[in-house]
Amino acid sequence: MMAESDVLFAVVLFAAAGQRAVDRIIAPFPDRGSAVAFARDNGLHCFSIGPMAFAVPTTVPPPATTVPPPASTVSAVVSPAGNNRGGQVRA
């Protein structure tokens, strides 16, 4: 575990009071006091101070991808009388 002196801190600015939507992350700060002083000096509201490891994810999950379904294959439809109804053109 790292000592607090080795941890960098971040100001997490929220979109509005009571919301969890993050508007901006401002970092790095060497200690909590510096981060709080920055937020107050710049008139920031609706913010939280935390270690950068929690404020800024170090791993980003890969984007959700979906595999497209295979291209449908159109098969020729043959009527009981033996006529080809698959839309093929005969020369």
PDB file of N, CA and C in Angstrom:
ATOM      1  N   MET A   1       0.844  -1.177   0.000  1.00  0.00           N
ATOM      2  CA  MET A   1       0.000   0.000   0.000  1.00  0.00           C
ATOM      3  C   MET A   1       0.890   1.242   0.000  1.00  0.00           C
ATOM      4  N   MET A   2       0.480   2.247  -0.711  1.00  0.00           N
ATOM      5  CA  MET A   2       1.287   3.457  -0.829  1.00  0.00           C
ATOM      6  C   MET A   2       1.014   4.389   0.351  1.00  0.00           C
ATOM      7  N   ALA A   3       2.050   5.100   0.752  1.00  0.00           N
ATOM      8  CA  ALA A   3       1.867   6.116   1.792  1.00  0.00           C
ATOM      9  C   ALA A   3       1.107   7.286   1.196  1.00  0.00           C
ATOM     10  N   GLU A   4       0.367   8.018   2.023  1.00  0.00           N
ATOM     11  CA  GLU A   4      -0.432   9.130   1.496  1.00  0.00           C
ATOM     12  C   GLU A   4       0.443  10.171   0.820  1.00  0.00           C
ATOM     13  N   SER A   5       1.715  10.281   1.224  1.00  0.00           N
ATOM     14  CA  SER A   5       2.594  11.259   0.585  1.00  0.00           C
ATOM     15  C   SER A   5       2.915  10.877  -0.864  1.00  0.00           C
ATOM     16  N   ASP A   6       2.731   9.607  -1.226  1.00  0.00           N
ATOM     17  CA  ASP A   6       2.994   9.148  -2.589  1.00  0.00           C
ATOM     18  C   ASP A   6       1.758   9.219  -3.480  1.00  0.00           C
ATOM     19  N   VAL A   7       0.617   9.532  -2.901  1.00  0.00           N
ATOM     20  CA  VAL A   7      -0.642   9.535  -3.637  1.00  0.00           C
ATOM     21  C   VAL A   7      -0.904  10.928  -4.192  1.00  0.00           C
ATOM     22  N   LEU A   8      -1.346  10.978  -5.445  1.00  0.00           N
ATOM     23  CA  LEU A   8      -1.773  12.248  -6.034  1.00  0.00           C
ATOM     24  C   LEU A   8      -3.286  12.334  -5.938  1.00  0.00           C
ATOM     25  N   PHE A   9      -3.795  13.545  -5.814  1.00  0.00           N
ATOM     26  CA  PHE A   9      -5.226  13.751  -5.619  1.00  0.00           C
ATOM     27  C   PHE A   9      -5.839  14.496  -6.797  1.00  0.00           C
ATOM     28  N   ALA A  10      -7.152  14.361  -6.923  1.00  0.00           N
ATOM     29  CA  ALA A  10      -7.886  14.993  -8.012  1.00  0.00           C
ATOM     30  C   ALA A  10      -9.128  15.676  -7.470  1.00  0.00           C
ATOM     31  N   VAL A  11      -9.535  16.742  -8.148  1.00  0.00           N
ATOM     32  CA  VAL A  11     -10.809  17.402  -7.869  1.00  0.00           C
ATOM     33  C   VAL A  11     -11.794  16.855  -8.893  1.00  0.00           C
ATOM     34  N   VAL A  12     -12.857  16.239  -8.397  1.00  0.00           N
ATOM     35  CA  VAL A  12     -13.895  15.701  -9.281  1.00  0.00           C
ATOM     36  C   VAL A  12     -15.057  16.684  -9.226  1.00  0.00           C
ATOM     37  N   LEU A  13     -15.324  17.320 -10.347  1.00  0.00           N
ATOM     38  CA  LEU A  13     -16.376  18.337 -10.440  1.00  0.00           C
ATOM     39  C   LEU A  13     -17.623  17.687 -11.021  1.00  0.00           C
ATOM     40  N   PHE A  14     -18.734  17.793 -10.278  1.00  0.00           N
ATOM     41  CA  PHE A  14     -19.989  17.185 -10.710  1.00  0.00           C
ATOM     42  C   PHE A  14     -20.846  18.200 -11.452  1.00  0.00           C
ATOM     43  N   ALA A  15     -21.757  17.694 -12.280  1.00  0.00           N
ATOM     44  CA  ALA A  15     -22.610  18.551 -13.107  1.00  0.00           C
ATOM     45  C   ALA A  15     -23.521  19.425 -12.243  1.00  0.00           C
ATOM     46  N   ALA A  16     -24.054  18.879 -11.162  1.00  0.00           N
ATOM     47  CA  ALA A  16     -24.943  19.641 -10.273  1.00  0.00           C
ATOM     48  C   ALA A  16     -24.975  18.950  -8.919  1.00  0.00           C
ATOM     49  N   ALA A  17     -25.459  19.668  -7.920  1.00  0.00           N
ATOM     50  CA  ALA A  17     -25.549  19.112  -6.568  1.00  0.00           C
ATOM     51  C   ALA A  17     -26.463  17.900  -6.566  1.00  0.00           C
ATOM     52  N   GLY A  18     -26.030  16.863  -5.894  1.00  0.00           N
ATOM     53  CA  GLY A  18     -26.838  15.664  -5.781  1.00  0.00           C
ATOM     54  C   GLY A  18     -26.797  14.755  -6.999  1.00  0.00           C
ATOM     55  N   GLN A  19     -26.041  15.111  -8.005  1.00  0.00           N
ATOM     56  CA  GLN A  19     -25.940  14.269  -9.194  1.00  0.00           C
ATOM     57  C   GLN A  19     -24.608  13.540  -9.207  1.00  0.00           C
ATOM     58  N   ARG A  20     -24.591  12.412  -9.870  1.00  0.00           N
ATOM     59  CA  ARG A  20     -23.359  11.637  -9.961  1.00  0.00           C
ATOM     60  C   ARG A  20     -22.661  11.817 -11.303  1.00  0.00           C
ATOM     61  N   ALA A  21     -23.255  12.603 -12.187  1.00  0.00           N
ATOM     62  CA  ALA A  21     -22.652  12.833 -13.499  1.00  0.00           C
ATOM     63  C   ALA A  21     -21.411  13.712 -13.335  1.00  0.00           C
ATOM     64  N   VAL A  22     -20.277  13.199 -13.743  1.00  0.00           N
ATOM     65  CA  VAL A  22     -19.015  13.930 -13.616  1.00  0.00           C
ATOM     66  C   VAL A  22     -18.887  14.899 -14.777  1.00  0.00           C
ATOM     67  N   ASP A  23     -18.645  16.156 -14.428  1.00  0.00           N
ATOM     68  CA  ASP A  23     -18.476  17.189 -15.443  1.00  0.00           C
ATOM     69  C   ASP A  23     -17.012  17.307 -15.860  1.00  0.00           C
ATOM     70  N   ARG A  24     -16.103  17.231 -14.879  1.00  0.00           N
ATOM     71  CA  ARG A  24     -14.686  17.422 -15.183  1.00  0.00           C
ATOM     72  C   ARG A  24     -13.852  16.850 -14.041  1.00  0.00           C
ATOM     73  N   ILE A  25     -12.674  16.376 -14.383  1.00  0.00           N
ATOM     74  CA  ILE A  25     -11.703  15.930 -13.381  1.00  0.00           C
ATOM     75  C   ILE A  25     -10.469  16.791 -13.550  1.00  0.00           C
ATOM     76  N   ILE A  26     -10.051  17.418 -12.454  1.00  0.00           N
ATOM     77  CA  ILE A  26      -8.887  18.297 -12.485  1.00  0.00           C
ATOM     78  C   ILE A  26      -7.822  17.664 -11.594  1.00  0.00           C
ATOM     79  N   ALA A  27      -6.652  17.400 -12.153  1.00  0.00           N
ATOM     80  CA  ALA A  27      -5.612  16.715 -11.406  1.00  0.00           C
ATOM     81  C   ALA A  27      -4.268  17.019 -12.051  1.00  0.00           C
ATOM     82  N   PRO A  28      -3.172  16.722 -11.488  1.00  0.00           N
ATOM     83  CA  PRO A  28      -2.912  16.130 -10.172  1.00  0.00           C
ATOM     84  C   PRO A  28      -2.603  17.198  -9.128  1.00  0.00           C
ATOM     85  N   PHE A  29      -2.825  16.832  -7.882  1.00  0.00           N
ATOM     86  CA  PHE A  29      -2.466  17.678  -6.740  1.00  0.00           C
ATOM     87  C   PHE A  29      -1.671  16.814  -5.774  1.00  0.00           C
ATOM     88  N   PRO A  30      -0.650  17.381  -5.138  1.00  0.00           N
ATOM     89  CA  PRO A  30       0.207  16.575  -4.267  1.00  0.00           C
ATOM     90  C   PRO A  30      -0.457  16.150  -2.966  1.00  0.00           C
ATOM     91  N   ASP A  31      -1.487  16.882  -2.529  1.00  0.00           N
ATOM     92  CA  ASP A  31      -2.171  16.519  -1.291  1.00  0.00           C
ATOM     93  C   ASP A  31      -3.603  17.040  -1.318  1.00  0.00           C
ATOM     94  N   ARG A  32      -4.418  16.576  -0.365  1.00  0.00           N
ATOM     95  CA  ARG A  32      -5.824  16.983  -0.310  1.00  0.00           C
ATOM     96  C   ARG A  32      -5.972  18.490  -0.110  1.00  0.00           C
ATOM     97  N   GLY A  33      -5.131  19.055   0.718  1.00  0.00           N
ATOM     98  CA  GLY A  33      -5.209  20.488   1.005  1.00  0.00           C
ATOM     99  C   GLY A  33      -5.026  21.341  -0.241  1.00  0.00           C
ATOM    100  N   SER A  34      -4.085  20.960  -1.087  1.00  0.00           N
ATOM    101  CA  SER A  34      -3.856  21.700  -2.335  1.00  0.00           C
ATOM    102  C   SER A  34      -5.061  21.589  -3.263  1.00  0.00           C
ATOM    103  N   ALA A  35      -5.664  20.411  -3.310  1.00  0.00           N
ATOM    104  CA  ALA A  35      -6.828  20.206  -4.166  1.00  0.00           C
ATOM    105  C   ALA A  35      -8.014  21.041  -3.674  1.00  0.00           C
ATOM    106  N   VAL A  36      -8.229  21.065  -2.353  1.00  0.00           N
ATOM    107  CA  VAL A  36      -9.325  21.856  -1.785  1.00  0.00           C
ATOM    108  C   VAL A  36      -9.074  23.344  -2.016  1.00  0.00           C
ATOM    109  N   ALA A  37      -7.841  23.784  -1.803  1.00  0.00           N
ATOM    110  CA  ALA A  37      -7.505  25.196  -2.000  1.00  0.00           C
ATOM    111  C   ALA A  37      -7.747  25.601  -3.463  1.00  0.00           C
ATOM    112  N   PHE A  38      -7.383  24.743  -4.407  1.00  0.00           N
ATOM    113  CA  PHE A  38      -7.614  25.037  -5.817  1.00  0.00           C
ATOM    114  C   PHE A  38      -9.107  25.184  -6.096  1.00  0.00           C
ATOM    115  N   ALA A  39      -9.895  24.257  -5.585  1.00  0.00           N
ATOM    116  CA  ALA A  39     -11.339  24.293  -5.832  1.00  0.00           C
ATOM    117  C   ALA A  39     -11.967  25.552  -5.244  1.00  0.00           C
ATOM    118  N   ARG A  40     -11.585  25.891  -4.045  1.00  0.00           N
ATOM    119  CA  ARG A  40     -12.159  27.086  -3.401  1.00  0.00           C
ATOM    120  C   ARG A  40     -11.676  28.374  -4.065  1.00  0.00           C
ATOM    121  N   ASP A  41     -10.395  28.432  -4.395  1.00  0.00           N
ATOM    122  CA  ASP A  41      -9.842  29.637  -5.026  1.00  0.00           C
ATOM    123  C   ASP A  41     -10.472  29.899  -6.398  1.00  0.00           C
ATOM    124  N   ASN A  42     -10.898  28.838  -7.069  1.00  0.00           N
ATOM    125  CA  ASN A  42     -11.484  28.980  -8.396  1.00  0.00           C
ATOM    126  C   ASN A  42     -13.009  28.969  -8.385  1.00  0.00           C
ATOM    127  N   GLY A  43     -13.601  29.048  -7.200  1.00  0.00           N
ATOM    128  CA  GLY A  43     -15.052  29.154  -7.089  1.00  0.00           C
ATOM    129  C   GLY A  43     -15.811  27.931  -7.573  1.00  0.00           C
ATOM    130  N   LEU A  44     -15.199  26.759  -7.466  1.00  0.00           N
ATOM    131  CA  LEU A  44     -15.883  25.538  -7.904  1.00  0.00           C
ATOM    132  C   LEU A  44     -16.920  25.122  -6.872  1.00  0.00           C
ATOM    133  N   HIS A  45     -18.038  24.619  -7.349  1.00  0.00           N
ATOM    134  CA  HIS A  45     -19.092  24.092  -6.486  1.00  0.00           C
ATOM    135  C   HIS A  45     -19.349  22.653  -6.897  1.00  0.00           C
ATOM    136  N   CYS A  46     -19.980  21.903  -6.044  1.00  0.00           N
ATOM    137  CA  CYS A  46     -20.356  20.511  -6.336  1.00  0.00           C
ATOM    138  C   CYS A  46     -19.124  19.690  -6.723  1.00  0.00           C
ATOM    139  N   PHE A  47     -18.150  19.633  -5.830  1.00  0.00           N
ATOM    140  CA  PHE A  47     -16.944  18.875  -6.129  1.00  0.00           C
ATOM    141  C   PHE A  47     -16.623  17.928  -4.982  1.00  0.00           C
ATOM    142  N   SER A  48     -15.753  16.995  -5.290  1.00  0.00           N
ATOM    143  CA  SER A  48     -15.251  16.050  -4.315  1.00  0.00           C
ATOM    144  C   SER A  48     -13.756  15.916  -4.532  1.00  0.00           C
ATOM    145  N   ILE A  49     -13.028  15.582  -3.475  1.00  0.00           N
ATOM    146  CA  ILE A  49     -11.588  15.378  -3.559  1.00  0.00           C
ATOM    147  C   ILE A  49     -11.321  13.901  -3.298  1.00  0.00           C
ATOM    148  N   GLY A  50     -10.498  13.304  -4.122  1.00  0.00           N
ATOM    149  CA  GLY A  50     -10.157  11.900  -3.915  1.00  0.00           C
ATOM    150  C   GLY A  50      -8.851  11.559  -4.581  1.00  0.00           C
ATOM    151  N   PRO A  51      -8.306  10.399  -4.221  1.00  0.00           N
ATOM    152  CA  PRO A  51      -7.077   9.948  -4.871  1.00  0.00           C
ATOM    153  C   PRO A  51      -7.300   9.781  -6.371  1.00  0.00           C
ATOM    154  N   MET A  52      -6.293  10.105  -7.153  1.00  0.00           N
ATOM    155  CA  MET A  52      -6.432  10.003  -8.608  1.00  0.00           C
ATOM    156  C   MET A  52      -6.763   8.578  -9.041  1.00  0.00           C
ATOM    157  N   ALA A  53      -6.290   7.590  -8.309  1.00  0.00           N
ATOM    158  CA  ALA A  53      -6.567   6.205  -8.684  1.00  0.00           C
ATOM    159  C   ALA A  53      -8.064   5.929  -8.701  1.00  0.00           C
ATOM    160  N   PHE A  54      -8.833   6.623  -7.872  1.00  0.00           N
ATOM    161  CA  PHE A  54     -10.280   6.428  -7.849  1.00  0.00           C
ATOM    162  C   PHE A  54     -10.992   7.393  -8.785  1.00  0.00           C
ATOM    163  N   ALA A  55     -10.427   8.554  -8.988  1.00  0.00           N
ATOM    164  CA  ALA A  55     -11.077   9.569  -9.822  1.00  0.00           C
ATOM    165  C   ALA A  55     -10.879   9.305 -11.304  1.00  0.00           C
ATOM    166  N   VAL A  56      -9.709   8.786 -11.652  1.00  0.00           N
ATOM    167  CA  VAL A  56      -9.382   8.551 -13.061  1.00  0.00           C
ATOM    168  C   VAL A  56      -9.128   7.062 -13.233  1.00  0.00           C
ATOM    169  N   PRO A  57      -9.989   6.370 -13.961  1.00  0.00           N
ATOM    170  CA  PRO A  57      -9.760   4.936 -14.141  1.00  0.00           C
ATOM    171  C   PRO A  57      -8.462   4.677 -14.892  1.00  0.00           C
ATOM    172  N   THR A  58      -7.720   3.687 -14.420  1.00  0.00           N
ATOM    173  CA  THR A  58      -6.456   3.364 -15.079  1.00  0.00           C
ATOM    174  C   THR A  58      -6.656   2.357 -16.196  1.00  0.00           C
ATOM    175  N   THR A  59      -7.765   1.659 -16.169  1.00  0.00           N
ATOM    176  CA  THR A  59      -8.084   0.746 -17.258  1.00  0.00           C
ATOM    177  C   THR A  59      -9.444   1.131 -17.805  1.00  0.00           C
ATOM    178  N   VAL A  60      -9.537   1.112 -19.088  1.00  0.00           N
ATOM    179  CA  VAL A  60     -10.790   1.467 -19.746  1.00  0.00           C
ATOM    180  C   VAL A  60     -11.342   0.206 -20.382  1.00  0.00           C
ATOM    181  N   PRO A  61     -12.572  -0.157 -20.056  1.00  0.00           N
ATOM    182  CA  PRO A  61     -13.114  -1.363 -20.676  1.00  0.00           C
ATOM    183  C   PRO A  61     -13.266  -1.163 -22.176  1.00  0.00           C
ATOM    184  N   PRO A  62     -13.087  -2.228 -22.926  1.00  0.00           N
ATOM    185  CA  PRO A  62     -13.235  -2.094 -24.379  1.00  0.00           C
ATOM    186  C   PRO A  62     -14.671  -1.729 -24.728  1.00  0.00           C
ATOM    187  N   PRO A  63     -14.856  -1.022 -25.822  1.00  0.00           N
ATOM    188  CA  PRO A  63     -16.222  -0.650 -26.196  1.00  0.00           C
ATOM    189  C   PRO A  63     -17.049  -1.893 -26.490  1.00  0.00           C
ATOM    190  N   ALA A  64     -18.311  -1.794 -26.156  1.00  0.00           N
ATOM    191  CA  ALA A  64     -19.209  -2.912 -26.418  1.00  0.00           C
ATOM    192  C   ALA A  64     -19.374  -3.068 -27.923  1.00  0.00           C
ATOM    193  N   THR A  65     -19.093  -4.243 -28.377  1.00  0.00           N
ATOM    194  CA  THR A  65     -19.243  -4.499 -29.807  1.00  0.00           C
ATOM    195  C   THR A  65     -20.232  -5.631 -29.988  1.00  0.00           C
ATOM    196  N   THR A  66     -20.951  -5.547 -31.032  1.00  0.00           N
ATOM    197  CA  THR A  66     -21.860  -6.625 -31.366  1.00  0.00           C
ATOM    198  C   THR A  66     -21.422  -7.209 -32.696  1.00  0.00           C
ATOM    199  N   VAL A  67     -21.517  -8.477 -32.780  1.00  0.00           N
ATOM    200  CA  VAL A  67     -21.147  -9.148 -34.020  1.00  0.00           C
ATOM    201  C   VAL A  67     -22.364  -9.101 -34.934  1.00  0.00           C
ATOM    202  N   PRO A  68     -22.203  -8.530 -36.120  1.00  0.00           N
ATOM    203  CA  PRO A  68     -23.358  -8.459 -37.016  1.00  0.00           C
ATOM    204  C   PRO A  68     -23.754  -9.861 -37.456  1.00  0.00           C
ATOM    205  N   PRO A  69     -25.028 -10.069 -37.633  1.00  0.00           N
ATOM    206  CA  PRO A  69     -25.461 -11.394 -38.096  1.00  0.00           C
ATOM    207  C   PRO A  69     -24.915 -11.645 -39.499  1.00  0.00           C
ATOM    208  N   PRO A  70     -24.711 -12.902 -39.822  1.00  0.00           N
ATOM    209  CA  PRO A  70     -24.187 -13.187 -41.168  1.00  0.00           C
ATOM    210  C   PRO A  70     -25.174 -12.718 -42.226  1.00  0.00           C
ATOM    211  N   ALA A  71     -24.634 -12.347 -43.364  1.00  0.00           N
ATOM    212  CA  ALA A  71     -25.486 -11.890 -44.458  1.00  0.00           C
ATOM    213  C   ALA A  71     -26.430 -13.017 -44.839  1.00  0.00           C
ATOM    214  N   SER A  72     -27.684 -12.676 -44.972  1.00  0.00           N
ATOM    215  CA  SER A  72     -28.650 -13.719 -45.304  1.00  0.00           C
ATOM    216  C   SER A  72     -28.429 -14.171 -46.741  1.00  0.00           C
ATOM    217  N   THR A  73     -28.572 -15.426 -46.926  1.00  0.00           N
ATOM    218  CA  THR A  73     -28.435 -15.970 -48.276  1.00  0.00           C
ATOM    219  C   THR A  73     -29.834 -16.230 -48.802  1.00  0.00           C
ATOM    220  N   VAL A  74     -30.083 -15.737 -49.969  1.00  0.00           N
ATOM    221  CA  VAL A  74     -31.386 -15.904 -50.588  1.00  0.00           C
ATOM    222  C   VAL A  74     -31.317 -17.160 -51.446  1.00  0.00           C
ATOM    223  N   SER A  75     -32.172 -18.092 -51.119  1.00  0.00           N
ATOM    224  CA  SER A  75     -32.188 -19.308 -51.927  1.00  0.00           C
ATOM    225  C   SER A  75     -33.346 -19.232 -52.907  1.00  0.00           C
ATOM    226  N   ALA A  76     -33.175 -19.882 -53.995  1.00  0.00           N
ATOM    227  CA  ALA A  76     -34.212 -19.886 -55.028  1.00  0.00           C
ATOM    228  C   ALA A  76     -35.395 -20.711 -54.534  1.00  0.00           C
ATOM    229  N   VAL A  77     -36.573 -20.182 -54.754  1.00  0.00           N
ATOM    230  CA  VAL A  77     -37.793 -20.889 -54.382  1.00  0.00           C
ATOM    231  C   VAL A  77     -38.315 -21.586 -55.621  1.00  0.00           C
ATOM    232  N   VAL A  78     -38.510 -22.857 -55.501  1.00  0.00           N
ATOM    233  CA  VAL A  78     -38.998 -23.630 -56.645  1.00  0.00           C
ATOM    234  C   VAL A  78     -40.424 -24.057 -56.323  1.00  0.00           C
ATOM    235  N   SER A  79     -41.311 -23.771 -57.245  1.00  0.00           N
ATOM    236  CA  SER A  79     -42.709 -24.141 -57.036  1.00  0.00           C
ATOM    237  C   SER A  79     -42.887 -25.627 -57.308  1.00  0.00           C
ATOM    238  N   PRO A  80     -43.970 -26.194 -56.815  1.00  0.00           N
ATOM    239  CA  PRO A  80     -44.193 -27.624 -57.061  1.00  0.00           C
ATOM    240  C   PRO A  80     -44.237 -27.960 -58.545  1.00  0.00           C
ATOM    241  N   ALA A  81     -44.579 -27.012 -59.386  1.00  0.00           N
ATOM    242  CA  ALA A  81     -44.639 -27.291 -60.828  1.00  0.00           C
ATOM    243  C   ALA A  81     -43.259 -27.291 -61.457  1.00  0.00           C
ATOM    244  N   GLY A  82     -42.244 -26.952 -60.688  1.00  0.00           N
ATOM    245  CA  GLY A  82     -40.886 -26.965 -61.198  1.00  0.00           C
ATOM    246  C   GLY A  82     -40.447 -25.631 -61.764  1.00  0.00           C
ATOM    247  N   ASN A  83     -41.275 -24.568 -61.632  1.00  0.00           N
ATOM    248  CA  ASN A  83     -40.882 -23.263 -62.130  1.00  0.00           C
ATOM    249  C   ASN A  83     -39.979 -22.570 -61.111  1.00  0.00           C
ATOM    250  N   ASN A  84     -38.945 -21.977 -61.585  1.00  0.00           N
ATOM    251  CA  ASN A  84     -38.017 -21.283 -60.696  1.00  0.00           C
ATOM    252  C   ASN A  84     -38.602 -19.924 -60.361  1.00  0.00           C
ATOM    253  N   ARG A  85     -38.867 -19.664 -59.094  1.00  0.00           N
ATOM    254  CA  ARG A  85     -39.451 -18.398 -58.653  1.00  0.00           C
ATOM    255  C   ARG A  85     -38.465 -17.583 -57.813  1.00  0.00           C
ATOM    256  N   GLY A  86     -37.168 -17.875 -57.911  1.00  0.00           N
ATOM    257  CA  GLY A  86     -36.178 -17.222 -57.067  1.00  0.00           C
ATOM    258  C   GLY A  86     -35.723 -15.879 -57.578  1.00  0.00           C
ATOM    259  N   GLY A  87     -36.319 -15.361 -58.612  1.00  0.00           N
ATOM    260  CA  GLY A  87     -35.934 -14.061 -59.105  1.00  0.00           C
ATOM    261  C   GLY A  87     -34.732 -14.100 -60.017  1.00  0.00           C
ATOM    262  N   GLN A  88     -34.327 -15.272 -60.431  1.00  0.00           N
ATOM    263  CA  GLN A  88     -33.183 -15.355 -61.313  1.00  0.00           C
ATOM    264  C   GLN A  88     -33.619 -15.041 -62.740  1.00  0.00           C
ATOM    265  N   VAL A  89     -32.757 -14.396 -63.477  1.00  0.00           N
ATOM    266  CA  VAL A  89     -33.050 -14.008 -64.857  1.00  0.00           C
ATOM    267  C   VAL A  89     -32.498 -15.076 -65.775  1.00  0.00           C
ATOM    268  N   ARG A  90     -33.348 -15.533 -66.672  1.00  0.00           N
ATOM    269  CA  ARG A  90     -32.906 -16.530 -67.648  1.00  0.00           C
ATOM    270  C   ARG A  90     -32.628 -15.841 -68.981  1.00  0.00           C
ATOM    271  N   ALA A  91     -31.552 -16.220 -69.593  1.00  0.00           N
ATOM    272  CA  ALA A  91     -31.198 -15.626 -70.871  1.00  0.00           C
ATOM    273  C   ALA A  91     -31.916 -16.290 -72.008  1.00  0.00           C
TER     274      ALA A  91
END
